């Protein structure tokens, strides 16, 4: 998982990195992610809100091109 996050971060695409964070959070559970990264509750919620914004934008873009 660390390699996955490193590769997506190195890609230079913030949306891709945020999606990777969401994938890892889903796979490992948010509580474990917070523990592993020393994120506080507020930081975790901010991160998840950003991930959700990216997902919504991606969904809207997809619908505009082919829903």
PDB file of N, CA and C in Angstrom:
ATOM      1  N   UNK A   1       0.816  -1.199   0.000  1.00  0.00           N
ATOM      2  CA  UNK A   1       0.000   0.000   0.000  1.00  0.00           C
ATOM      3  C   UNK A   1       0.858   1.261   0.000  1.00  0.00           C
ATOM      4  N   UNK A   2       1.963   1.194   0.706  1.00  0.00           N
ATOM      5  CA  UNK A   2       2.866   2.352   0.745  1.00  0.00           C
ATOM      6  C   UNK A   2       3.382   2.650  -0.653  1.00  0.00           C
ATOM      7  N   UNK A   3       3.756   1.607  -1.373  1.00  0.00           N
ATOM      8  CA  UNK A   3       4.254   1.797  -2.740  1.00  0.00           C
ATOM      9  C   UNK A   3       3.177   2.414  -3.631  1.00  0.00           C
ATOM     10  N   UNK A   4       1.954   1.950  -3.489  1.00  0.00           N
ATOM     11  CA  UNK A   4       0.825   2.499  -4.253  1.00  0.00           C
ATOM     12  C   UNK A   4       0.675   3.997  -3.985  1.00  0.00           C
ATOM     13  N   UNK A   5       0.712   4.386  -2.727  1.00  0.00           N
ATOM     14  CA  UNK A   5       0.603   5.802  -2.388  1.00  0.00           C
ATOM     15  C   UNK A   5       1.789   6.588  -2.930  1.00  0.00           C
ATOM     16  N   UNK A   6       2.989   6.040  -2.820  1.00  0.00           N
ATOM     17  CA  UNK A   6       4.182   6.727  -3.329  1.00  0.00           C
ATOM     18  C   UNK A   6       4.114   6.936  -4.837  1.00  0.00           C
ATOM     19  N   UNK A   7       3.676   5.922  -5.553  1.00  0.00           N
ATOM     20  CA  UNK A   7       3.580   6.029  -7.016  1.00  0.00           C
ATOM     21  C   UNK A   7       2.549   7.082  -7.408  1.00  0.00           C
ATOM     22  N   UNK A   8       1.398   7.069  -6.756  1.00  0.00           N
ATOM     23  CA  UNK A   8       0.365   8.048  -7.112  1.00  0.00           C
ATOM     24  C   UNK A   8       0.787   9.461  -6.727  1.00  0.00           C
ATOM     25  N   UNK A   9       1.491   9.617  -5.621  1.00  0.00           N
ATOM     26  CA  UNK A   9       1.995  10.931  -5.227  1.00  0.00           C
ATOM     27  C   UNK A   9       3.021  11.424  -6.238  1.00  0.00           C
ATOM     28  N   UNK A  10       3.912  10.546  -6.659  1.00  0.00           N
ATOM     29  CA  UNK A  10       4.955  10.913  -7.616  1.00  0.00           C
ATOM     30  C   UNK A  10       4.391  11.237  -8.998  1.00  0.00           C
ATOM     31  N   UNK A  11       3.177  10.780  -9.280  1.00  0.00           N
ATOM     32  CA  UNK A  11       2.584  11.024 -10.596  1.00  0.00           C
ATOM     33  C   UNK A  11       2.323  12.510 -10.846  1.00  0.00           C
ATOM     34  N   UNK A  12       2.205  13.275  -9.770  1.00  0.00           N
ATOM     35  CA  UNK A  12       1.929  14.701  -9.932  1.00  0.00           C
ATOM     36  C   UNK A  12       0.471  15.025 -10.160  1.00  0.00           C
ATOM     37  N   UNK A  13      -0.399  14.035 -10.046  1.00  0.00           N
ATOM     38  CA  UNK A  13      -1.835  14.245 -10.231  1.00  0.00           C
ATOM     39  C   UNK A  13      -2.525  14.160  -8.871  1.00  0.00           C
ATOM     40  N   UNK A  14      -2.898  15.310  -8.284  1.00  0.00           N
ATOM     41  CA  UNK A  14      -3.511  15.298  -6.956  1.00  0.00           C
ATOM     42  C   UNK A  14      -4.778  14.453  -6.870  1.00  0.00           C
ATOM     43  N   UNK A  15      -5.588  14.447  -7.918  1.00  0.00           N
ATOM     44  CA  UNK A  15      -6.819  13.662  -7.892  1.00  0.00           C
ATOM     45  C   UNK A  15      -6.510  12.172  -7.802  1.00  0.00           C
ATOM     46  N   UNK A  16      -5.480  11.752  -8.498  1.00  0.00           N
ATOM     47  CA  UNK A  16      -5.082  10.348  -8.450  1.00  0.00           C
ATOM     48  C   UNK A  16      -4.597   9.977  -7.050  1.00  0.00           C
ATOM     49  N   UNK A  17      -3.824  10.870  -6.443  1.00  0.00           N
ATOM     50  CA  UNK A  17      -3.333  10.614  -5.091  1.00  0.00           C
ATOM     51  C   UNK A  17      -4.483  10.566  -4.090  1.00  0.00           C
ATOM     52  N   UNK A  18      -5.437  11.474  -4.217  1.00  0.00           N
ATOM     53  CA  UNK A  18      -6.585  11.462  -3.312  1.00  0.00           C
ATOM     54  C   UNK A  18      -7.402  10.182  -3.470  1.00  0.00           C
ATOM     55  N   UNK A  19      -7.530   9.711  -4.697  1.00  0.00           N
ATOM     56  CA  UNK A  19      -8.238   8.456  -4.907  1.00  0.00           C
ATOM     57  C   UNK A  19      -7.475   7.299  -4.261  1.00  0.00           C
ATOM     58  N   UNK A  20      -6.153   7.340  -4.352  1.00  0.00           N
ATOM     59  CA  UNK A  20      -5.334   6.298  -3.717  1.00  0.00           C
ATOM     60  C   UNK A  20      -5.520   6.314  -2.204  1.00  0.00           C
ATOM     61  N   UNK A  21      -5.586   7.501  -1.615  1.00  0.00           N
ATOM     62  CA  UNK A  21      -5.826   7.600  -0.172  1.00  0.00           C
ATOM     63  C   UNK A  21      -7.184   6.984   0.170  1.00  0.00           C
ATOM     64  N   UNK A  22      -8.178   7.277  -0.638  1.00  0.00           N
ATOM     65  CA  UNK A  22      -9.508   6.703  -0.395  1.00  0.00           C
ATOM     66  C   UNK A  22      -9.473   5.185  -0.520  1.00  0.00           C
ATOM     67  N   UNK A  23      -8.748   4.690  -1.502  1.00  0.00           N
ATOM     68  CA  UNK A  23      -8.636   3.240  -1.675  1.00  0.00           C
ATOM     69  C   UNK A  23      -7.988   2.591  -0.462  1.00  0.00           C
ATOM     70  N   UNK A  24      -6.901   3.195   0.017  1.00  0.00           N
ATOM     71  CA  UNK A  24      -6.197   2.646   1.181  1.00  0.00           C
ATOM     72  C   UNK A  24      -7.083   2.733   2.423  1.00  0.00           C
ATOM     73  N   UNK A  25      -7.783   3.854   2.571  1.00  0.00           N
ATOM     74  CA  UNK A  25      -8.673   4.009   3.725  1.00  0.00           C
ATOM     75  C   UNK A  25      -9.748   2.936   3.719  1.00  0.00           C
ATOM     76  N   UNK A  26     -10.273   2.653   2.552  1.00  0.00           N
ATOM     77  CA  UNK A  26     -11.289   1.617   2.440  1.00  0.00           C
ATOM     78  C   UNK A  26     -10.703   0.243   2.748  1.00  0.00           C
ATOM     79  N   UNK A  27      -9.523  -0.004   2.222  1.00  0.00           N
ATOM     80  CA  UNK A  27      -8.898  -1.307   2.393  1.00  0.00           C
ATOM     81  C   UNK A  27      -8.457  -1.573   3.826  1.00  0.00           C
ATOM     82  N   UNK A  28      -7.946  -0.583   4.496  1.00  0.00           N
ATOM     83  CA  UNK A  28      -7.380  -0.793   5.828  1.00  0.00           C
ATOM     84  C   UNK A  28      -8.272  -0.293   6.946  1.00  0.00           C
ATOM     85  N   UNK A  29      -9.247   0.471   6.582  1.00  0.00           N
ATOM     86  CA  UNK A  29     -10.098   1.058   7.610  1.00  0.00           C
ATOM     87  C   UNK A  29      -9.549   2.415   8.015  1.00  0.00           C
ATOM     88  N   UNK A  30     -10.424   3.346   8.158  1.00  0.00           N
ATOM     89  CA  UNK A  30     -10.009   4.714   8.458  1.00  0.00           C
ATOM     90  C   UNK A  30      -9.272   4.804   9.791  1.00  0.00           C
ATOM     91  N   UNK A  31      -9.696   4.047  10.771  1.00  0.00           N
ATOM     92  CA  UNK A  31      -9.039   4.121  12.084  1.00  0.00           C
ATOM     93  C   UNK A  31      -7.571   3.743  11.985  1.00  0.00           C
ATOM     94  N   UNK A  32      -7.280   2.713  11.211  1.00  0.00           N
ATOM     95  CA  UNK A  32      -5.887   2.287  11.056  1.00  0.00           C
ATOM     96  C   UNK A  32      -5.088   3.326  10.279  1.00  0.00           C
ATOM     97  N   UNK A  33      -5.694   3.930   9.264  1.00  0.00           N
ATOM     98  CA  UNK A  33      -5.012   4.962   8.492  1.00  0.00           C
ATOM     99  C   UNK A  33      -4.649   6.147   9.381  1.00  0.00           C
ATOM    100  N   UNK A  34      -5.585   6.560  10.226  1.00  0.00           N
ATOM    101  CA  UNK A  34      -5.327   7.668  11.138  1.00  0.00           C
ATOM    102  C   UNK A  34      -4.173   7.313  12.082  1.00  0.00           C
ATOM    103  N   UNK A  35      -4.202   6.103  12.591  1.00  0.00           N
ATOM    104  CA  UNK A  35      -3.142   5.659  13.498  1.00  0.00           C
ATOM    105  C   UNK A  35      -1.783   5.640  12.798  1.00  0.00           C
ATOM    106  N   UNK A  36      -1.733   5.088  11.590  1.00  0.00           N
ATOM    107  CA  UNK A  36      -0.487   4.956  10.843  1.00  0.00           C
ATOM    108  C   UNK A  36       0.105   6.302  10.442  1.00  0.00           C
ATOM    109  N   UNK A  37      -0.747   7.280  10.175  1.00  0.00           N
ATOM    110  CA  UNK A  37      -0.272   8.568   9.673  1.00  0.00           C
ATOM    111  C   UNK A  37      -0.232   9.649  10.738  1.00  0.00           C
ATOM    112  N   UNK A  38      -0.668   9.342  11.948  1.00  0.00           N
ATOM    113  CA  UNK A  38      -0.730  10.324  13.038  1.00  0.00           C
ATOM    114  C   UNK A  38      -1.623  11.513  12.709  1.00  0.00           C
ATOM    115  N   UNK A  39      -2.620  11.294  11.862  1.00  0.00           N
ATOM    116  CA  UNK A  39      -3.578  12.355  11.569  1.00  0.00           C
ATOM    117  C   UNK A  39      -4.547  12.492  12.735  1.00  0.00           C
ATOM    118  N   UNK A  40      -4.929  13.709  13.013  1.00  0.00           N
ATOM    119  CA  UNK A  40      -5.964  13.937  14.003  1.00  0.00           C
ATOM    120  C   UNK A  40      -7.329  13.795  13.377  1.00  0.00           C
ATOM    121  N   UNK A  41      -8.346  13.837  14.191  1.00  0.00           N
ATOM    122  CA  UNK A  41      -9.717  13.686  13.704  1.00  0.00           C
ATOM    123  C   UNK A  41     -10.067  14.764  12.685  1.00  0.00           C
ATOM    124  N   UNK A  42      -9.743  16.014  12.989  1.00  0.00           N
ATOM    125  CA  UNK A  42     -10.080  17.104  12.076  1.00  0.00           C
ATOM    126  C   UNK A  42      -9.354  16.945  10.737  1.00  0.00           C
ATOM    127  N   UNK A  43      -8.083  16.570  10.780  1.00  0.00           N
ATOM    128  CA  UNK A  43      -7.325  16.364   9.541  1.00  0.00           C
ATOM    129  C   UNK A  43      -7.908  15.209   8.733  1.00  0.00           C
ATOM    130  N   UNK A  44      -8.312  14.162   9.411  1.00  0.00           N
ATOM    131  CA  UNK A  44      -8.899  13.007   8.731  1.00  0.00           C
ATOM    132  C   UNK A  44     -10.192  13.394   8.028  1.00  0.00           C
ATOM    133  N   UNK A  45     -11.016  14.146   8.706  1.00  0.00           N
ATOM    134  CA  UNK A  45     -12.280  14.564   8.108  1.00  0.00           C
ATOM    135  C   UNK A  45     -12.053  15.499   6.930  1.00  0.00           C
ATOM    136  N   UNK A  46     -11.061  16.376   7.041  1.00  0.00           N
ATOM    137  CA  UNK A  46     -10.723  17.270   5.942  1.00  0.00           C
ATOM    138  C   UNK A  46     -10.259  16.464   4.734  1.00  0.00           C
ATOM    139  N   UNK A  47      -9.422  15.471   4.981  1.00  0.00           N
ATOM    140  CA  UNK A  47      -8.928  14.627   3.904  1.00  0.00           C
ATOM    141  C   UNK A  47     -10.085  13.885   3.234  1.00  0.00           C
ATOM    142  N   UNK A  48     -10.976  13.312   4.023  1.00  0.00           N
ATOM    143  CA  UNK A  48     -12.102  12.583   3.453  1.00  0.00           C
ATOM    144  C   UNK A  48     -13.034  13.505   2.664  1.00  0.00           C
ATOM    145  N   UNK A  49     -13.210  14.721   3.142  1.00  0.00           N
ATOM    146  CA  UNK A  49     -14.042  15.684   2.412  1.00  0.00           C
ATOM    147  C   UNK A  49     -13.418  15.998   1.054  1.00  0.00           C
ATOM    148  N   UNK A  50     -12.103  16.129   1.011  1.00  0.00           N
ATOM    149  CA  UNK A  50     -11.414  16.386  -0.251  1.00  0.00           C
ATOM    150  C   UNK A  50     -11.579  15.211  -1.206  1.00  0.00           C
ATOM    151  N   UNK A  51     -11.462  14.013  -0.678  1.00  0.00           N
ATOM    152  CA  UNK A  51     -11.639  12.813  -1.503  1.00  0.00           C
ATOM    153  C   UNK A  51     -13.057  12.777  -2.066  1.00  0.00           C
ATOM    154  N   UNK A  52     -14.030  13.096  -1.257  1.00  0.00           N
ATOM    155  CA  UNK A  52     -15.418  13.087  -1.713  1.00  0.00           C
ATOM    156  C   UNK A  52     -15.645  14.138  -2.805  1.00  0.00           C
ATOM    157  N   UNK A  53     -15.036  15.312  -2.666  1.00  0.00           N
ATOM    158  CA  UNK A  53     -15.166  16.346  -3.708  1.00  0.00           C
ATOM    159  C   UNK A  53     -14.598  15.840  -5.029  1.00  0.00           C
ATOM    160  N   UNK A  54     -13.460  15.170  -4.968  1.00  0.00           N
ATOM    161  CA  UNK A  54     -12.847  14.627  -6.186  1.00  0.00           C
ATOM    162  C   UNK A  54     -13.748  13.585  -6.818  1.00  0.00           C
ATOM    163  N   UNK A  55     -14.319  12.714  -6.011  1.00  0.00           N
ATOM    164  CA  UNK A  55     -15.218  11.687  -6.541  1.00  0.00           C
ATOM    165  C   UNK A  55     -16.430  12.311  -7.218  1.00  0.00           C
ATOM    166  N   UNK A  56     -16.998  13.342  -6.600  1.00  0.00           N
ATOM    167  CA  UNK A  56     -18.169  13.990  -7.181  1.00  0.00           C
ATOM    168  C   UNK A  56     -17.814  14.658  -8.503  1.00  0.00           C
ATOM    169  N   UNK A  57     -16.657  15.331  -8.545  1.00  0.00           N
ATOM    170  CA  UNK A  57     -16.230  15.963  -9.793  1.00  0.00           C
ATOM    171  C   UNK A  57     -16.032  14.922 -10.887  1.00  0.00           C
ATOM    172  N   UNK A  58     -15.414  13.803 -10.527  1.00  0.00           N
ATOM    173  CA  UNK A  58     -15.175  12.741 -11.509  1.00  0.00           C
ATOM    174  C   UNK A  58     -16.497  12.174 -12.007  1.00  0.00           C
ATOM    175  N   UNK A  59     -17.454  12.005 -11.119  1.00  0.00           N
ATOM    176  CA  UNK A  59     -18.766  11.484 -11.515  1.00  0.00           C
ATOM    177  C   UNK A  59     -19.467  12.448 -12.452  1.00  0.00           C
ATOM    178  N   UNK A  60     -19.409  13.733 -12.134  1.00  0.00           N
ATOM    179  CA  UNK A  60     -20.043  14.729 -12.997  1.00  0.00           C
ATOM    180  C   UNK A  60     -19.374  14.756 -14.366  1.00  0.00           C
ATOM    181  N   UNK A  61     -18.047  14.691 -14.399  1.00  0.00           N
ATOM    182  CA  UNK A  61     -17.321  14.699 -15.670  1.00  0.00           C
ATOM    183  C   UNK A  61     -17.695  13.479 -16.494  1.00  0.00           C
ATOM    184  N   UNK A  62     -17.801  12.325 -15.850  1.00  0.00           N
ATOM    185  CA  UNK A  62     -18.174  11.112 -16.554  1.00  0.00           C
ATOM    186  C   UNK A  62     -19.582  11.245 -17.129  1.00  0.00           C
ATOM    187  N   UNK A  63     -20.487  11.771 -16.335  1.00  0.00           N
ATOM    188  CA  UNK A  63     -21.872  11.919 -16.808  1.00  0.00           C
ATOM    189  C   UNK A  63     -21.971  12.891 -17.959  1.00  0.00           C
ATOM    190  N   UNK A  64     -21.150  13.916 -17.961  1.00  0.00           N
ATOM    191  CA  UNK A  64     -21.181  14.876 -19.058  1.00  0.00           C
ATOM    192  C   UNK A  64     -20.673  14.253 -20.359  1.00  0.00           C
ATOM    193  N   UNK A  65     -19.838  13.222 -20.238  1.00  0.00           N
ATOM    194  CA  UNK A  65     -19.284  12.627 -21.434  1.00  0.00           C
ATOM    195  C   UNK A  65     -19.971  11.339 -21.856  1.00  0.00           C
ATOM    196  N   UNK A  66     -20.853  10.785 -21.001  1.00  0.00           N
ATOM    197  CA  UNK A  66     -21.442   9.540 -21.462  1.00  0.00           C
ATOM    198  C   UNK A  66     -22.522   8.910 -20.600  1.00  0.00           C
ATOM    199  N   UNK A  67     -23.166   9.634 -19.723  1.00  0.00           N
ATOM    200  CA  UNK A  67     -24.212   9.030 -18.890  1.00  0.00           C
ATOM    201  C   UNK A  67     -25.467   8.760 -19.665  1.00  0.00           C
TER     202      UNK A  67
END
